[in-house]
C-alpha atoms as a PDB file:
ATOM      1  CA  MET A   1      88.654  64.427 124.044  1.00  0.00           C
ATOM      2  CA  SER A   2      89.646  61.169 125.931  1.00  0.00           C
ATOM      3  CA  MET A   3      90.770  57.942 124.535  1.00  0.00           C
ATOM      4  CA  GLU A   4      87.536  56.348 125.487  1.00  0.00           C
ATOM      5  CA  ASN A   5      85.366  59.083 123.699  1.00  0.00           C
ATOM      6  CA  THR A   6      87.453  58.876 120.706  1.00  0.00           C
ATOM      7  CA  LEU A   7      86.931  55.078 120.583  1.00  0.00           C
ATOM      8  CA  LYS A   8      83.053  55.660 120.888  1.00  0.00           C
ATOM      9  CA  THR A   9      82.912  58.075 118.075  1.00  0.00           C
ATOM     10  CA  GLN A  10      85.293  56.339 115.585  1.00  0.00           C
ATOM     11  CA  PRO A  11      84.598  52.857 114.298  1.00  0.00           C
ATOM     12  CA  LEU A  12      87.810  50.950 114.182  1.00  0.00           C
ATOM     13  CA  LYS A  13      88.960  47.966 112.306  1.00  0.00           C
ATOM     14  CA  PHE A  14      91.994  45.842 112.880  1.00  0.00           C
ATOM     15  CA  ASN A  15      94.281  45.653 109.890  1.00  0.00           C
ATOM     16  CA  LEU A  16      95.547  42.102 110.519  1.00  0.00           C
ATOM     17  CA  GLU A  17      95.657  41.045 106.809  1.00  0.00           C
ATOM     18  CA  ARG A  18      99.414  41.936 107.092  1.00  0.00           C
ATOM     19  CA  PHE A  19     101.549  39.780 109.424  1.00  0.00           C
ATOM     20  CA  ASP A  20     104.215  42.372 109.739  1.00  0.00           C
ATOM     21  CA  PHE A  21     102.540  44.627 112.141  1.00  0.00           C
ATOM     22  CA  ILE A  22     105.032  43.603 114.813  1.00  0.00           C
ATOM     23  CA  LEU A  23     107.746  45.004 112.457  1.00  0.00           C
ATOM     24  CA  ASP A  24     105.793  48.293 112.329  1.00  0.00           C
ATOM     25  CA  ILE A  25     105.879  48.387 116.053  1.00  0.00           C
ATOM     26  CA  LEU A  26     109.543  47.611 116.287  1.00  0.00           C
ATOM     27  CA  ARG A  27     110.324  50.454 113.687  1.00  0.00           C
ATOM     28  CA  ARG A  28     109.062  52.986 116.205  1.00  0.00           C
ATOM     29  CA  PRO A  29     111.508  53.800 119.095  1.00  0.00           C
ATOM     30  CA  GLN A  30     108.625  53.767 121.785  1.00  0.00           C
ATOM     31  CA  GLY A  31     107.309  50.618 120.200  1.00  0.00           C
ATOM     32  CA  ALA A  32     110.752  48.875 120.299  1.00  0.00           C
ATOM     33  CA  ILE A  33     111.317  49.863 123.903  1.00  0.00           C
ATOM     34  CA  GLY A  34     107.864  48.781 125.029  1.00  0.00           C
ATOM     35  CA  PHE A  35     108.029  45.411 123.136  1.00  0.00           C
ATOM     36  CA  THR A  36     111.431  44.731 124.533  1.00  0.00           C
ATOM     37  CA  ILE A  37     110.279  45.307 128.073  1.00  0.00           C
ATOM     38  CA  VAL A  38     107.107  43.225 127.616  1.00  0.00           C
ATOM     39  CA  LEU A  39     109.046  40.361 126.032  1.00  0.00           C
ATOM     40  CA  LEU A  40     111.638  40.282 129.133  1.00  0.00           C
ATOM     41  CA  PHE A  41     108.522  40.425 131.393  1.00  0.00           C
ATOM     42  CA  ILE A  42     106.845  37.472 129.754  1.00  0.00           C
ATOM     43  CA  ILE A  43     110.171  35.474 129.677  1.00  0.00           C
ATOM     44  CA  THR A  44     110.545  36.180 133.381  1.00  0.00           C
ATOM     45  CA  VAL A  45     107.030  34.952 133.950  1.00  0.00           C
ATOM     46  CA  ILE A  46     107.409  31.736 132.006  1.00  0.00           C
ATOM     47  CA  PHE A  47     110.820  30.882 133.144  1.00  0.00           C
ATOM     48  CA  ALA A  48     110.812  32.029 136.726  1.00  0.00           C
ATOM     49  CA  PRO A  49     111.868  28.767 138.304  1.00  0.00           C
ATOM     50  CA  LEU A  50     114.889  28.761 135.995  1.00  0.00           C
ATOM     51  CA  ILE A  51     115.763  32.521 136.493  1.00  0.00           C
ATOM     52  CA  ALA A  52     115.361  32.806 140.274  1.00  0.00           C
ATOM     53  CA  PRO A  53     118.351  31.503 142.155  1.00  0.00           C
ATOM     54  CA  TYR A  54     116.401  30.676 145.320  1.00  0.00           C
ATOM     55  CA  ASP A  55     112.920  29.940 146.495  1.00  0.00           C
ATOM     56  CA  PHE A  56     110.957  33.052 147.008  1.00  0.00           C
ATOM     57  CA  ALA A  57     110.075  32.006 150.611  1.00  0.00           C
ATOM     58  CA  ARG A  58     113.609  30.867 151.638  1.00  0.00           C
ATOM     59  CA  GLN A  59     114.843  32.722 154.607  1.00  0.00           C
ATOM     60  CA  ASP A  60     118.400  33.457 155.787  1.00  0.00           C
ATOM     61  CA  ILE A  61     117.925  35.372 158.902  1.00  0.00           C
ATOM     62  CA  PRO A  62     121.747  36.135 159.630  1.00  0.00           C
ATOM     63  CA  ASN A  63     121.901  37.831 156.227  1.00  0.00           C
ATOM     64  CA  ARG A  64     118.751  40.058 156.440  1.00  0.00           C
ATOM     65  CA  PHE A  65     118.758  43.536 155.114  1.00  0.00           C
ATOM     66  CA  GLN A  66     121.937  42.695 153.111  1.00  0.00           C
ATOM     67  CA  GLY A  67     122.785  44.892 150.063  1.00  0.00           C
ATOM     68  CA  PRO A  68     123.389  43.533 146.632  1.00  0.00           C
ATOM     69  CA  SER A  69     126.108  40.826 146.587  1.00  0.00           C
ATOM     70  CA  ALA A  70     127.483  37.862 144.657  1.00  0.00           C
ATOM     71  CA  HIS A  71     125.120  35.660 146.682  1.00  0.00           C
ATOM     72  CA  TYR A  72     122.094  38.037 146.640  1.00  0.00           C
ATOM     73  CA  TRP A  73     122.169  40.006 143.403  1.00  0.00           C
ATOM     74  CA  LEU A  74     119.573  42.638 144.720  1.00  0.00           C
ATOM     75  CA  GLY A  75     120.041  42.058 148.496  1.00  0.00           C
ATOM     76  CA  THR A  76     117.720  40.687 151.013  1.00  0.00           C
ATOM     77  CA  ASP A  77     114.636  41.691 152.935  1.00  0.00           C
ATOM     78  CA  GLN A  78     113.678  41.721 156.659  1.00  0.00           C
ATOM     79  CA  LEU A  79     113.672  37.877 156.715  1.00  0.00           C
ATOM     80  CA  GLY A  80     116.707  37.304 154.597  1.00  0.00           C
ATOM     81  CA  ARG A  81     114.704  36.332 151.570  1.00  0.00           C
ATOM     82  CA  ASP A  82     116.417  36.998 148.293  1.00  0.00           C
ATOM     83  CA  LEU A  83     114.850  40.148 146.708  1.00  0.00           C
ATOM     84  CA  PHE A  84     115.704  39.041 143.187  1.00  0.00           C
ATOM     85  CA  SER A  85     113.912  35.699 143.470  1.00  0.00           C
ATOM     86  CA  ARG A  86     110.852  37.481 145.004  1.00  0.00           C
ATOM     87  CA  LEU A  87     110.683  40.074 142.303  1.00  0.00           C
ATOM     88  CA  VAL A  88     110.984  37.327 139.649  1.00  0.00           C
ATOM     89  CA  TYR A  89     108.087  35.386 141.088  1.00  0.00           C
ATOM     90  CA  GLY A  90     106.205  38.642 141.760  1.00  0.00           C
ATOM     91  CA  ALA A  91     106.086  39.187 138.040  1.00  0.00           C
ATOM     92  CA  ARG A  92     104.017  35.969 137.874  1.00  0.00           C
ATOM     93  CA  ILE A  93     101.594  37.349 140.319  1.00  0.00           C
ATOM     94  CA  ALA A  94     101.313  40.549 138.410  1.00  0.00           C
ATOM     95  CA  LEU A  95     100.363  38.789 135.280  1.00  0.00           C
ATOM     96  CA  SER A  96      98.225  36.203 136.904  1.00  0.00           C
ATOM     97  CA  VAL A  97      96.101  39.042 138.244  1.00  0.00           C
ATOM     98  CA  ALA A  98      96.151  41.329 135.055  1.00  0.00           C
ATOM     99  CA  ILE A  99      95.304  38.799 132.436  1.00  0.00           C
ATOM    100  CA  PRO A 100      92.235  37.173 134.238  1.00  0.00           C
ATOM    101  CA  SER A 101      91.010  40.699 135.426  1.00  0.00           C
ATOM    102  CA  VAL A 102      91.083  42.239 131.972  1.00  0.00           C
ATOM    103  CA  THR A 103      89.619  39.050 130.440  1.00  0.00           C
ATOM    104  CA  ILE A 104      86.706  39.337 132.845  1.00  0.00           C
ATOM    105  CA  ALA A 105      86.170  42.996 132.175  1.00  0.00           C
ATOM    106  CA  ILE A 106      86.326  42.695 128.502  1.00  0.00           C
ATOM    107  CA  SER A 107      83.960  39.598 128.292  1.00  0.00           C
ATOM    108  CA  LEU A 108      81.262  41.097 130.429  1.00  0.00           C
ATOM    109  CA  GLY A 109      81.719  44.520 128.798  1.00  0.00           C
ATOM    110  CA  ILE A 110      81.207  42.953 125.375  1.00  0.00           C
ATOM    111  CA  LEU A 111      78.255  41.029 126.610  1.00  0.00           C
ATOM    112  CA  PHE A 112      76.483  44.085 128.174  1.00  0.00           C
ATOM    113  CA  GLY A 113      77.532  46.294 125.274  1.00  0.00           C
ATOM    114  CA  LEU A 114      76.223  44.047 122.683  1.00  0.00           C
ATOM    115  CA  VAL A 115      72.880  43.486 124.434  1.00  0.00           C
ATOM    116  CA  ALA A 116      72.376  47.150 125.131  1.00  0.00           C
ATOM    117  CA  GLY A 117      73.375  48.441 121.747  1.00  0.00           C
ATOM    118  CA  TYR A 118      71.552  45.920 119.647  1.00  0.00           C
ATOM    119  CA  ILE A 119      68.274  45.529 121.610  1.00  0.00           C
ATOM    120  CA  GLY A 120      68.069  49.185 122.759  1.00  0.00           C
ATOM    121  CA  GLY A 121      64.955  50.653 124.503  1.00  0.00           C
ATOM    122  CA  THR A 122      64.420  49.760 128.094  1.00  0.00           C
ATOM    123  CA  VAL A 123      67.149  47.149 128.180  1.00  0.00           C
ATOM    124  CA  ASP A 124      69.614  49.706 126.957  1.00  0.00           C
ATOM    125  CA  ASN A 125      68.531  52.185 129.525  1.00  0.00           C
ATOM    126  CA  LEU A 126      68.755  49.727 132.414  1.00  0.00           C
ATOM    127  CA  ILE A 127      72.279  48.629 131.355  1.00  0.00           C
ATOM    128  CA  VAL A 128      73.359  52.182 130.920  1.00  0.00           C
ATOM    129  CA  ILE A 129      72.080  53.059 134.515  1.00  0.00           C
ATOM    130  CA  LEU A 130      73.996  49.962 135.772  1.00  0.00           C
ATOM    131  CA  MET A 131      77.251  51.187 134.191  1.00  0.00           C
ATOM    132  CA  ASP A 132      76.798  54.572 135.387  1.00  0.00           C
ATOM    133  CA  SER A 133      76.165  53.325 138.945  1.00  0.00           C
ATOM    134  CA  LEU A 134      79.425  51.190 138.847  1.00  0.00           C
ATOM    135  CA  GLN A 135      81.392  54.131 137.399  1.00  0.00           C
ATOM    136  CA  ALA A 136      79.911  56.639 140.009  1.00  0.00           C
ATOM    137  CA  PHE A 137      82.153  55.033 142.735  1.00  0.00           C
ATOM    138  CA  PRO A 138      85.982  55.425 142.152  1.00  0.00           C
ATOM    139  CA  SER A 139      87.525  52.160 141.407  1.00  0.00           C
ATOM    140  CA  LEU A 140      89.726  52.098 144.432  1.00  0.00           C
ATOM    141  CA  ILE A 141      86.927  52.935 146.866  1.00  0.00           C
ATOM    142  CA  LEU A 142      84.603  50.320 145.376  1.00  0.00           C
ATOM    143  CA  SER A 143      87.395  47.777 145.508  1.00  0.00           C
ATOM    144  CA  LEU A 144      88.316  48.594 149.100  1.00  0.00           C
ATOM    145  CA  ALA A 145      84.630  48.202 150.182  1.00  0.00           C
ATOM    146  CA  ILE A 146      84.099  44.888 148.530  1.00  0.00           C
ATOM    147  CA  LEU A 147      87.385  43.457 149.786  1.00  0.00           C
ATOM    148  CA  ALA A 148      86.617  44.554 153.328  1.00  0.00           C
ATOM    149  CA  LEU A 149      83.423  42.361 153.047  1.00  0.00           C
ATOM    150  CA  LEU A 150      84.835  39.384 151.017  1.00  0.00           C
ATOM    151  CA  GLY A 151      88.436  39.426 152.569  1.00  0.00           C
ATOM    152  CA  PRO A 152      91.707  39.705 150.710  1.00  0.00           C
ATOM    153  CA  SER A 153      92.544  36.967 148.282  1.00  0.00           C
ATOM    154  CA  LEU A 154      93.991  36.679 144.823  1.00  0.00           C
ATOM    155  CA  VAL A 155      90.794  35.336 143.489  1.00  0.00           C
ATOM    156  CA  ASN A 156      88.719  38.234 144.895  1.00  0.00           C
ATOM    157  CA  VAL A 157      91.155  40.803 143.614  1.00  0.00           C
ATOM    158  CA  VAL A 158      90.790  39.376 140.085  1.00  0.00           C
ATOM    159  CA  ILE A 159      86.948  39.451 140.178  1.00  0.00           C
ATOM    160  CA  ILE A 160      86.754  42.871 141.718  1.00  0.00           C
ATOM    161  CA  ILE A 161      89.132  44.467 139.300  1.00  0.00           C
ATOM    162  CA  GLY A 162      87.306  42.695 136.392  1.00  0.00           C
ATOM    163  CA  ILE A 163      84.047  44.113 137.578  1.00  0.00           C
ATOM    164  CA  THR A 164      85.227  47.696 138.205  1.00  0.00           C
ATOM    165  CA  TRP A 165      86.888  47.843 134.911  1.00  0.00           C
ATOM    166  CA  MET A 166      83.919  46.378 132.947  1.00  0.00           C
ATOM    167  CA  PRO A 167      81.913  49.551 132.379  1.00  0.00           C
ATOM    168  CA  ASN A 168      84.561  51.027 130.240  1.00  0.00           C
ATOM    169  CA  TYR A 169      84.451  48.181 127.693  1.00  0.00           C
ATOM    170  CA  ALA A 170      80.592  48.075 127.832  1.00  0.00           C
ATOM    171  CA  ARG A 171      80.358  51.678 126.872  1.00  0.00           C
ATOM    172  CA  VAL A 172      82.870  51.390 124.012  1.00  0.00           C
ATOM    173  CA  ILE A 173      81.115  48.229 122.576  1.00  0.00           C
ATOM    174  CA  ARG A 174      77.625  49.745 122.942  1.00  0.00           C
ATOM    175  CA  ALA A 175      78.655  52.913 121.000  1.00  0.00           C
ATOM    176  CA  GLN A 176      80.157  50.708 118.277  1.00  0.00           C
ATOM    177  CA  VAL A 177      77.024  48.485 118.116  1.00  0.00           C
ATOM    178  CA  LEU A 178      74.665  51.386 117.820  1.00  0.00           C
ATOM    179  CA  SER A 179      76.387  52.373 114.786  1.00  0.00           C
ATOM    180  CA  ALA A 180      76.823  48.895 113.338  1.00  0.00           C
ATOM    181  CA  ARG A 181      73.333  47.545 113.707  1.00  0.00           C
ATOM    182  CA  GLU A 182      72.097  50.283 111.123  1.00  0.00           C
ATOM    183  CA  ALA A 183      74.835  49.289 108.624  1.00  0.00           C
ATOM    184  CA  VAL A 184      73.913  48.061 105.286  1.00  0.00           C
ATOM    185  CA  TYR A 185      75.324  44.496 105.632  1.00  0.00           C
ATOM    186  CA  VAL A 186      73.325  44.081 108.839  1.00  0.00           C
ATOM    187  CA  GLU A 187      70.093  45.227 107.001  1.00  0.00           C
ATOM    188  CA  ALA A 188      70.891  42.695 104.206  1.00  0.00           C
ATOM    189  CA  GLU A 189      71.306  39.769 106.731  1.00  0.00           C
ATOM    190  CA  ARG A 190      67.923  40.670 108.302  1.00  0.00           C
ATOM    191  CA  SER A 191      66.249  40.795 104.899  1.00  0.00           C
ATOM    192  CA  LEU A 192      67.739  37.339 104.127  1.00  0.00           C
ATOM    193  CA  GLY A 193      66.126  35.986 107.429  1.00  0.00           C
ATOM    194  CA  ALA A 194      69.296  35.680 109.591  1.00  0.00           C
ATOM    195  CA  THR A 195      68.581  35.320 113.268  1.00  0.00           C
ATOM    196  CA  ASN A 196      69.536  37.917 115.774  1.00  0.00           C
ATOM    197  CA  PRO A 197      72.268  35.718 117.396  1.00  0.00           C
ATOM    198  CA  ARG A 198      73.794  35.144 113.991  1.00  0.00           C
ATOM    199  CA  ILE A 199      73.829  38.730 113.030  1.00  0.00           C
ATOM    200  CA  ILE A 200      75.325  39.734 116.481  1.00  0.00           C
ATOM    201  CA  PHE A 201      78.071  37.145 116.612  1.00  0.00           C
ATOM    202  CA  SER A 202      78.840  36.685 113.022  1.00  0.00           C
ATOM    203  CA  HIS A 203      78.552  40.211 111.694  1.00  0.00           C
ATOM    204  CA  ILE A 204      78.477  42.867 114.414  1.00  0.00           C
ATOM    205  CA  LEU A 205      80.940  41.425 116.915  1.00  0.00           C
ATOM    206  CA  PRO A 206      83.903  40.966 114.496  1.00  0.00           C
ATOM    207  CA  ASN A 207      83.459  44.696 113.415  1.00  0.00           C
ATOM    208  CA  VAL A 208      83.138  46.208 116.775  1.00  0.00           C
ATOM    209  CA  ILE A 209      85.596  44.283 119.055  1.00  0.00           C
ATOM    210  CA  ALA A 210      88.772  46.051 117.690  1.00  0.00           C
ATOM    211  CA  PRO A 211      88.383  49.203 120.067  1.00  0.00           C
ATOM    212  CA  ALA A 212      87.774  46.879 123.144  1.00  0.00           C
ATOM    213  CA  LEU A 213      91.012  44.874 122.375  1.00  0.00           C
ATOM    214  CA  ILE A 214      93.059  48.041 122.025  1.00  0.00           C
ATOM    215  CA  LEU A 215      91.747  49.320 125.190  1.00  0.00           C
ATOM    216  CA  ALA A 216      92.491  46.003 127.039  1.00  0.00           C
ATOM    217  CA  ALA A 217      96.191  46.333 125.834  1.00  0.00           C
ATOM    218  CA  MET A 218      96.360  49.725 127.373  1.00  0.00           C
ATOM    219  CA  ASP A 219      94.619  48.685 130.632  1.00  0.00           C
ATOM    220  CA  LEU A 220      97.043  45.929 131.441  1.00  0.00           C
ATOM    221  CA  PRO A 221      99.702  48.317 133.113  1.00  0.00           C
ATOM    222  CA  TRP A 222      96.993  49.998 135.149  1.00  0.00           C
ATOM    223  CA  VAL A 223      95.688  46.653 136.439  1.00  0.00           C
ATOM    224  CA  ILE A 224      99.175  45.557 137.476  1.00  0.00           C
ATOM    225  CA  THR A 225      99.716  48.913 139.291  1.00  0.00           C
ATOM    226  CA  PHE A 226      96.155  48.757 140.841  1.00  0.00           C
ATOM    227  CA  GLU A 227      96.874  45.115 142.238  1.00  0.00           C
ATOM    228  CA  ALA A 228     100.228  46.232 143.674  1.00  0.00           C
ATOM    229  CA  GLY A 229      98.345  49.187 145.425  1.00  0.00           C
ATOM    230  CA  LEU A 230      95.765  46.857 146.966  1.00  0.00           C
ATOM    231  CA  SER A 231      98.536  44.463 148.106  1.00  0.00           C
ATOM    232  CA  PHE A 232     100.475  47.431 149.526  1.00  0.00           C
ATOM    233  CA  MET A 233      97.485  48.307 151.701  1.00  0.00           C
ATOM    234  CA  GLY A 234      97.127  44.654 152.810  1.00  0.00           C
ATOM    235  CA  LEU A 235      93.957  43.971 150.734  1.00  0.00           C
ATOM    236  CA  GLY A 236      95.482  42.122 147.878  1.00  0.00           C
ATOM    237  CA  VAL A 237      97.748  39.107 147.737  1.00  0.00           C
ATOM    238  CA  ARG A 238      98.575  37.859 151.225  1.00  0.00           C
ATOM    239  CA  PRO A 239     102.204  37.284 152.441  1.00  0.00           C
ATOM    240  CA  PRO A 240     104.407  35.399 151.903  1.00  0.00           C
ATOM    241  CA  THR A 241     103.256  35.518 148.257  1.00  0.00           C
ATOM    242  CA  PRO A 242     105.758  37.825 146.653  1.00  0.00           C
ATOM    243  CA  SER A 243     103.553  40.509 145.101  1.00  0.00           C
ATOM    244  CA  TRP A 244     105.321  43.587 144.158  1.00  0.00           C
ATOM    245  CA  GLY A 245     102.953  45.475 146.379  1.00  0.00           C
ATOM    246  CA  VAL A 246     103.878  43.257 149.297  1.00  0.00           C
ATOM    247  CA  ILE A 247     107.580  43.649 148.690  1.00  0.00           C
ATOM    248  CA  LEU A 248     107.026  47.393 148.491  1.00  0.00           C
ATOM    249  CA  TYR A 249     105.085  47.548 151.710  1.00  0.00           C
ATOM    250  CA  ASP A 250     107.661  45.330 153.743  1.00  0.00           C
ATOM    251  CA  GLY A 251     110.416  47.584 152.310  1.00  0.00           C
ATOM    252  CA  PHE A 252     108.606  50.822 153.138  1.00  0.00           C
ATOM    253  CA  TYR A 253     108.037  49.591 156.794  1.00  0.00           C
ATOM    254  CA  ASN A 254     111.764  48.866 157.081  1.00  0.00           C
ATOM    255  CA  ILE A 255     113.201  51.541 154.898  1.00  0.00           C
ATOM    256  CA  ARG A 256     115.359  52.999 157.736  1.00  0.00           C
ATOM    257  CA  LEU A 257     117.104  49.658 157.854  1.00  0.00           C
ATOM    258  CA  SER A 258     117.388  48.993 154.045  1.00  0.00           C
ATOM    259  CA  PRO A 259     116.358  50.990 151.071  1.00  0.00           C
ATOM    260  CA  TRP A 260     116.770  48.052 148.695  1.00  0.00           C
ATOM    261  CA  PRO A 261     113.309  46.401 148.744  1.00  0.00           C
ATOM    262  CA  VAL A 262     111.581  49.727 148.102  1.00  0.00           C
ATOM    263  CA  THR A 263     114.042  50.616 145.268  1.00  0.00           C
ATOM    264  CA  TRP A 264     113.910  47.368 143.409  1.00  0.00           C
ATOM    265  CA  SER A 265     110.066  46.737 143.742  1.00  0.00           C
ATOM    266  CA  GLY A 266     109.491  50.377 142.743  1.00  0.00           C
ATOM    267  CA  LEU A 267     111.681  50.067 139.698  1.00  0.00           C
ATOM    268  CA  ALA A 268     109.985  46.861 138.729  1.00  0.00           C
ATOM    269  CA  LEU A 269     106.594  48.486 138.757  1.00  0.00           C
ATOM    270  CA  ILE A 270     107.971  51.533 136.895  1.00  0.00           C
ATOM    271  CA  PHE A 271     109.620  49.666 134.057  1.00  0.00           C
ATOM    272  CA  THR A 272     106.702  47.183 133.629  1.00  0.00           C
ATOM    273  CA  THR A 273     103.949  49.714 133.497  1.00  0.00           C
ATOM    274  CA  MET A 274     106.114  51.931 131.170  1.00  0.00           C
ATOM    275  CA  GLY A 275     106.747  48.910 128.843  1.00  0.00           C
ATOM    276  CA  PHE A 276     103.165  47.842 128.551  1.00  0.00           C
ATOM    277  CA  THR A 277     102.001  51.476 128.065  1.00  0.00           C
ATOM    278  CA  LEU A 278     104.494  52.215 125.423  1.00  0.00           C
ATOM    279  CA  PHE A 279     103.639  48.795 123.687  1.00  0.00           C
ATOM    280  CA  GLY A 280      99.950  49.459 123.981  1.00  0.00           C
ATOM    281  CA  GLU A 281     100.004  52.916 122.646  1.00  0.00           C
ATOM    282  CA  THR A 282     102.241  51.846 119.770  1.00  0.00           C
ATOM    283  CA  LEU A 283      99.953  48.931 118.925  1.00  0.00           C
ATOM    284  CA  ARG A 284      96.967  51.373 118.863  1.00  0.00           C
ATOM    285  CA  ASP A 285      98.705  53.657 116.441  1.00  0.00           C
ATOM    286  CA  VAL A 286      99.871  50.814 114.133  1.00  0.00           C
ATOM    287  CA  LEU A 287      96.426  49.114 114.059  1.00  0.00           C
ATOM    288  CA  ASP A 288      94.483  52.308 113.534  1.00  0.00           C
ATOM    289  CA  PRO A 289      96.627  55.319 112.572  1.00  0.00           C
ATOM    290  CA  ARG A 290      93.548  57.607 112.960  1.00  0.00           C
ATOM    291  CA  LEU A 291      93.983  57.326 116.683  1.00  0.00           C
ATOM    292  CA  SER A 292      97.594  58.402 116.626  1.00  0.00           C
ATOM    293  CA  GLY A 293      98.165  61.228 119.006  1.00  0.00           C
ATOM    294  CA  THR A 294      94.689  61.138 120.572  1.00  0.00           C
ATOM    295  CA  ARG A 295      95.835  60.513 124.107  1.00  0.00           C
ATOM    296  CA  GLY A 296      95.431  63.499 126.148  1.00  0.00           C
ATOM    297  CA  MET A 297      93.116  65.276 123.702  1.00  0.00           C
END
């Protein structure tokens, strides 16, 4: 059983009455590793101008393809640009794509899931058909097709990733709402004359949003990797913006002259996705222990 199917069949609730759940995460080795990597990533994003020794677009042609040195800690690329500075600013690009994309996906997913699950009938069938249609196309193929029409840009990448990821959240929320709408507390609210919007947003939504938030935490590393892949193919962020995918492509194209751009951008992607994945999985296990070990079932 997949993670998504488990979330569909088991209602979840956040146990946020305690404020020490971060300590619960840190007590677990994989949680501590993930939390440390995520914290370092966020610090890098916030303080990029202070951490990066050079402007990410500054060129030093005489020193291009240089290896790590006292002046260029991770070496330089084909234009003599400092790789460390470009990787630091690339973290900003990664997060500026991941957060809005997941926000769009979870917002639209919650909206469609609430409407489909609560209203049911024809509306439910139409929304399910729409979600099935979107999921029938592989995310990468759908993204490539839309970007070929709209053109590559940061905004287009954010919107496309948000739309292609949205059906996962809609399905999870719909499954939770189908169960919650028949609950005793909902029937009690109806008998007291509560309106449908009040029932949905005051009583159903707070009780069904937990699995979507957990899914969002676990989707962040995949979105970062997805954006890097699109940029690597020239359909994401455009040069000279220092996306990790752009750095990886430039390094791959010139790998015979210098291995450093591919090495450092690859390691940045590996450690970042690993950190977010470990943190997300540990967060899931801490907030709802019933899901512990369900990955890969």
